[in-house]
Amino acid sequence: MTFTYPAVFTPHKNDKGYHVTFPDLQCCEADGPDLEDAVEHAREAAYNWLYLEIEEKTFEFPPQTHMEDIRLEEGEFLKHIMVTVKLLPDND
């Protein structure tokens, strides 16, 4: 299954790098020293968040918020983050 969620990138105030949050994935955050690493860390965080939902068998994936509905602070920007989670058959 492939999921795409908007992520808010906030530049760190005192140094290079970014803090990333997902408005749709509660408590899912990441950081990176540059944009490339921040995107990769955000993808990993989103993957782990989604995988945990699968492991807990809740499968309550939130709908994607439209980017135009997300309010940004000065300096912040949005990127879509795509995550693929492979579902294997349950052998229980």
N, C-alpha and C. Protein backbone atom coordinates (compact mmCIF):
# COMPACT_ATOMS: atom_id res chain seq x y z
N MET A 1 0.84 -1.17 0.00
CA MET A 1 0.00 0.00 0.00
C MET A 1 0.89 1.24 0.00
N THR A 2 0.48 2.22 -0.76
CA THR A 2 1.22 3.48 -0.82
C THR A 2 0.37 4.59 -0.23
N PHE A 3 0.99 5.35 0.64
CA PHE A 3 0.33 6.47 1.31
C PHE A 3 1.09 7.74 1.00
N THR A 4 0.38 8.83 0.87
CA THR A 4 1.00 10.14 0.68
C THR A 4 0.35 11.11 1.66
N TYR A 5 1.19 11.76 2.45
CA TYR A 5 0.71 12.73 3.43
C TYR A 5 1.51 14.02 3.31
N PRO A 6 0.86 15.16 3.54
CA PRO A 6 1.60 16.42 3.55
C PRO A 6 2.42 16.53 4.82
N ALA A 7 3.61 17.09 4.68
CA ALA A 7 4.50 17.32 5.81
C ALA A 7 4.86 18.79 5.86
N VAL A 8 4.89 19.34 7.07
CA VAL A 8 5.27 20.74 7.28
C VAL A 8 6.74 20.77 7.68
N PHE A 9 7.53 21.50 6.91
CA PHE A 9 8.96 21.66 7.17
C PHE A 9 9.19 23.02 7.80
N THR A 10 9.79 23.02 8.99
CA THR A 10 10.10 24.24 9.71
C THR A 10 11.61 24.35 9.84
N PRO A 11 12.21 25.41 9.29
CA PRO A 11 13.66 25.58 9.44
C PRO A 11 14.04 25.75 10.91
N HIS A 12 15.14 25.11 11.32
CA HIS A 12 15.66 25.33 12.66
C HIS A 12 16.10 26.78 12.78
N LYS A 13 15.86 27.39 13.92
CA LYS A 13 16.15 28.81 14.10
C LYS A 13 17.63 29.11 14.25
N ASN A 14 18.37 28.27 14.97
CA ASN A 14 19.76 28.59 15.30
C ASN A 14 20.80 27.92 14.42
N ASP A 15 20.39 26.99 13.60
CA ASP A 15 21.36 26.31 12.75
C ASP A 15 20.67 25.81 11.49
N LYS A 16 21.42 25.13 10.68
CA LYS A 16 20.84 24.54 9.48
C LYS A 16 19.97 23.36 9.87
N GLY A 17 19.11 22.99 8.98
CA GLY A 17 18.29 21.82 9.22
C GLY A 17 16.82 22.16 9.35
N TYR A 18 16.02 21.11 9.47
CA TYR A 18 14.57 21.25 9.47
C TYR A 18 13.94 20.31 10.49
N HIS A 19 12.83 20.77 11.04
CA HIS A 19 11.95 19.94 11.86
C HIS A 19 10.72 19.67 11.00
N VAL A 20 10.26 18.43 10.98
CA VAL A 20 9.14 18.03 10.12
C VAL A 20 8.01 17.46 10.97
N THR A 21 6.80 17.91 10.69
CA THR A 21 5.61 17.37 11.35
C THR A 21 4.60 16.98 10.28
N PHE A 22 3.75 16.03 10.64
CA PHE A 22 2.67 15.58 9.77
C PHE A 22 1.35 15.95 10.42
N PRO A 23 0.62 16.90 9.86
CA PRO A 23 -0.66 17.29 10.46
C PRO A 23 -1.65 16.13 10.61
N ASP A 24 -1.55 15.13 9.75
CA ASP A 24 -2.51 14.02 9.77
C ASP A 24 -2.06 12.83 10.62
N LEU A 25 -0.79 12.77 10.97
CA LEU A 25 -0.25 11.62 11.71
C LEU A 25 0.16 12.10 13.10
N GLN A 26 -0.69 11.86 14.06
CA GLN A 26 -0.50 12.38 15.41
C GLN A 26 0.85 11.96 16.00
N CYS A 27 1.60 12.92 16.48
CA CYS A 27 2.90 12.72 17.14
C CYS A 27 3.96 12.15 16.20
N CYS A 28 3.80 12.30 14.91
CA CYS A 28 4.79 11.83 13.94
C CYS A 28 5.65 13.02 13.54
N GLU A 29 6.93 12.99 13.95
CA GLU A 29 7.84 14.10 13.70
C GLU A 29 9.20 13.57 13.31
N ALA A 30 10.00 14.43 12.70
CA ALA A 30 11.36 14.08 12.32
C ALA A 30 12.19 15.34 12.24
N ASP A 31 13.50 15.16 12.18
CA ASP A 31 14.45 16.26 12.01
C ASP A 31 15.52 15.83 11.03
N GLY A 32 16.17 16.80 10.43
CA GLY A 32 17.29 16.51 9.55
C GLY A 32 18.19 17.72 9.44
N PRO A 33 19.50 17.48 9.28
CA PRO A 33 20.46 18.58 9.20
C PRO A 33 20.39 19.36 7.89
N ASP A 34 19.74 18.78 6.89
CA ASP A 34 19.53 19.45 5.61
C ASP A 34 18.21 18.93 5.03
N LEU A 35 17.78 19.52 3.92
CA LEU A 35 16.47 19.16 3.37
C LEU A 35 16.42 17.69 2.94
N GLU A 36 17.47 17.21 2.31
CA GLU A 36 17.48 15.82 1.84
C GLU A 36 17.33 14.84 3.01
N ASP A 37 18.09 15.05 4.07
CA ASP A 37 18.00 14.18 5.24
C ASP A 37 16.66 14.34 5.95
N ALA A 38 16.15 15.57 6.02
CA ALA A 38 14.86 15.80 6.67
C ALA A 38 13.75 15.05 5.94
N VAL A 39 13.78 15.05 4.61
CA VAL A 39 12.78 14.31 3.84
C VAL A 39 12.90 12.81 4.11
N GLU A 40 14.12 12.30 4.11
CA GLU A 40 14.33 10.87 4.35
C GLU A 40 13.89 10.49 5.77
N HIS A 41 14.24 11.30 6.75
CA HIS A 41 13.84 11.01 8.13
C HIS A 41 12.33 11.11 8.29
N ALA A 42 11.71 12.04 7.59
CA ALA A 42 10.25 12.17 7.62
C ALA A 42 9.60 10.94 7.01
N ARG A 43 10.15 10.45 5.92
CA ARG A 43 9.62 9.24 5.28
C ARG A 43 9.72 8.05 6.25
N GLU A 44 10.86 7.92 6.93
CA GLU A 44 11.04 6.84 7.89
C GLU A 44 10.05 6.96 9.06
N ALA A 45 9.86 8.17 9.56
CA ALA A 45 8.93 8.38 10.67
C ALA A 45 7.50 8.04 10.26
N ALA A 46 7.10 8.46 9.06
CA ALA A 46 5.75 8.15 8.57
C ALA A 46 5.59 6.65 8.36
N TYR A 47 6.61 6.00 7.82
CA TYR A 47 6.56 4.55 7.64
C TYR A 47 6.35 3.86 8.98
N ASN A 48 7.13 4.25 9.99
CA ASN A 48 7.01 3.63 11.31
C ASN A 48 5.63 3.88 11.91
N TRP A 49 5.09 5.06 11.72
CA TRP A 49 3.76 5.39 12.25
C TRP A 49 2.71 4.50 11.60
N LEU A 50 2.76 4.37 10.27
CA LEU A 50 1.79 3.56 9.55
C LEU A 50 1.96 2.07 9.88
N TYR A 51 3.20 1.62 9.96
CA TYR A 51 3.47 0.22 10.26
C TYR A 51 2.94 -0.15 11.64
N LEU A 52 3.08 0.75 12.60
CA LEU A 52 2.54 0.50 13.94
C LEU A 52 1.03 0.34 13.91
N GLU A 53 0.35 1.14 13.09
CA GLU A 53 -1.10 0.99 12.94
C GLU A 53 -1.44 -0.40 12.40
N ILE A 54 -0.63 -0.87 11.47
CA ILE A 54 -0.86 -2.21 10.90
C ILE A 54 -0.59 -3.28 11.96
N GLU A 55 0.51 -3.15 12.68
CA GLU A 55 0.87 -4.13 13.71
C GLU A 55 -0.20 -4.21 14.80
N GLU A 56 -0.77 -3.07 15.16
CA GLU A 56 -1.80 -3.06 16.19
C GLU A 56 -3.17 -3.47 15.64
N LYS A 57 -3.19 -3.73 14.33
CA LYS A 57 -4.40 -4.17 13.63
C LYS A 57 -5.55 -3.18 13.75
N THR A 58 -5.21 -1.90 13.92
CA THR A 58 -6.26 -0.89 14.00
C THR A 58 -6.63 -0.38 12.61
N PHE A 59 -5.67 -0.30 11.72
CA PHE A 59 -5.88 0.13 10.34
C PHE A 59 -6.72 1.39 10.24
N GLU A 60 -6.52 2.31 11.15
CA GLU A 60 -7.24 3.57 11.11
C GLU A 60 -6.33 4.65 10.53
N PHE A 61 -6.17 4.61 9.23
CA PHE A 61 -5.32 5.58 8.56
C PHE A 61 -6.11 6.85 8.31
N PRO A 62 -5.61 7.97 8.80
CA PRO A 62 -6.36 9.22 8.62
C PRO A 62 -6.38 9.65 7.16
N PRO A 63 -7.43 10.34 6.76
CA PRO A 63 -7.46 10.87 5.40
C PRO A 63 -6.42 11.98 5.26
N GLN A 64 -5.99 12.18 4.05
CA GLN A 64 -4.99 13.21 3.75
C GLN A 64 -5.64 14.59 3.74
N THR A 65 -5.06 15.52 4.50
CA THR A 65 -5.52 16.90 4.48
C THR A 65 -5.04 17.56 3.19
N HIS A 66 -5.90 18.33 2.56
CA HIS A 66 -5.49 19.06 1.36
C HIS A 66 -4.48 20.13 1.74
N MET A 67 -3.46 20.28 0.94
CA MET A 67 -2.38 21.20 1.26
C MET A 67 -2.88 22.63 1.45
N GLU A 68 -3.89 23.03 0.68
CA GLU A 68 -4.38 24.40 0.79
C GLU A 68 -5.13 24.64 2.11
N ASP A 69 -5.46 23.57 2.83
CA ASP A 69 -6.15 23.70 4.11
C ASP A 69 -5.18 23.75 5.30
N ILE A 70 -3.90 23.64 5.04
CA ILE A 70 -2.90 23.65 6.12
C ILE A 70 -2.35 25.06 6.28
N ARG A 71 -2.41 25.54 7.50
CA ARG A 71 -1.93 26.88 7.82
C ARG A 71 -0.44 26.81 8.16
N LEU A 72 0.33 27.66 7.54
CA LEU A 72 1.77 27.67 7.76
C LEU A 72 2.21 28.94 8.48
N GLU A 73 3.24 28.80 9.29
CA GLU A 73 3.88 29.95 9.92
C GLU A 73 4.95 30.47 8.96
N GLU A 74 5.44 31.67 9.23
CA GLU A 74 6.46 32.28 8.38
C GLU A 74 7.68 31.36 8.30
N GLY A 75 8.16 31.12 7.09
CA GLY A 75 9.33 30.29 6.86
C GLY A 75 9.03 28.82 6.64
N GLU A 76 7.84 28.38 7.00
CA GLU A 76 7.48 26.97 6.83
C GLU A 76 7.06 26.70 5.39
N PHE A 77 7.21 25.45 4.97
CA PHE A 77 6.73 25.04 3.66
C PHE A 77 6.26 23.60 3.72
N LEU A 78 5.50 23.20 2.72
CA LEU A 78 4.92 21.86 2.65
C LEU A 78 5.57 21.03 1.55
N LYS A 79 5.65 19.73 1.81
CA LYS A 79 6.04 18.76 0.80
C LYS A 79 5.18 17.52 1.03
N HIS A 80 4.80 16.86 -0.04
CA HIS A 80 4.14 15.56 0.09
C HIS A 80 5.22 14.51 0.33
N ILE A 81 4.95 13.62 1.27
CA ILE A 81 5.86 12.52 1.56
C ILE A 81 5.12 11.23 1.21
N MET A 82 5.73 10.42 0.34
CA MET A 82 5.12 9.16 -0.09
C MET A 82 5.82 8.00 0.62
N VAL A 83 5.01 7.09 1.15
CA VAL A 83 5.51 5.94 1.89
C VAL A 83 4.83 4.69 1.36
N THR A 84 5.62 3.65 1.11
CA THR A 84 5.07 2.36 0.69
C THR A 84 5.27 1.36 1.81
N VAL A 85 4.18 0.72 2.22
CA VAL A 85 4.22 -0.30 3.25
C VAL A 85 3.74 -1.60 2.61
N LYS A 86 4.60 -2.62 2.64
CA LYS A 86 4.23 -3.91 2.06
C LYS A 86 3.47 -4.72 3.10
N LEU A 87 2.30 -5.17 2.72
CA LEU A 87 1.48 -6.00 3.60
C LEU A 87 1.68 -7.46 3.23
N LEU A 88 2.08 -8.24 4.21
CA LEU A 88 2.27 -9.67 3.98
C LEU A 88 1.08 -10.42 4.56
N PRO A 89 0.75 -11.58 3.99
CA PRO A 89 -0.38 -12.35 4.53
C PRO A 89 -0.11 -12.76 5.97
N ASP A 90 -1.15 -12.76 6.78
CA ASP A 90 -1.06 -13.17 8.18
C ASP A 90 -1.09 -14.69 8.22
N ASN A 91 -0.05 -15.30 8.78
CA ASN A 91 0.06 -16.76 8.79
C ASN A 91 -0.43 -17.39 10.09
N ASP A 92 -1.21 -16.67 10.87
CA ASP A 92 -1.71 -17.21 12.14
C ASP A 92 -2.77 -18.25 11.90
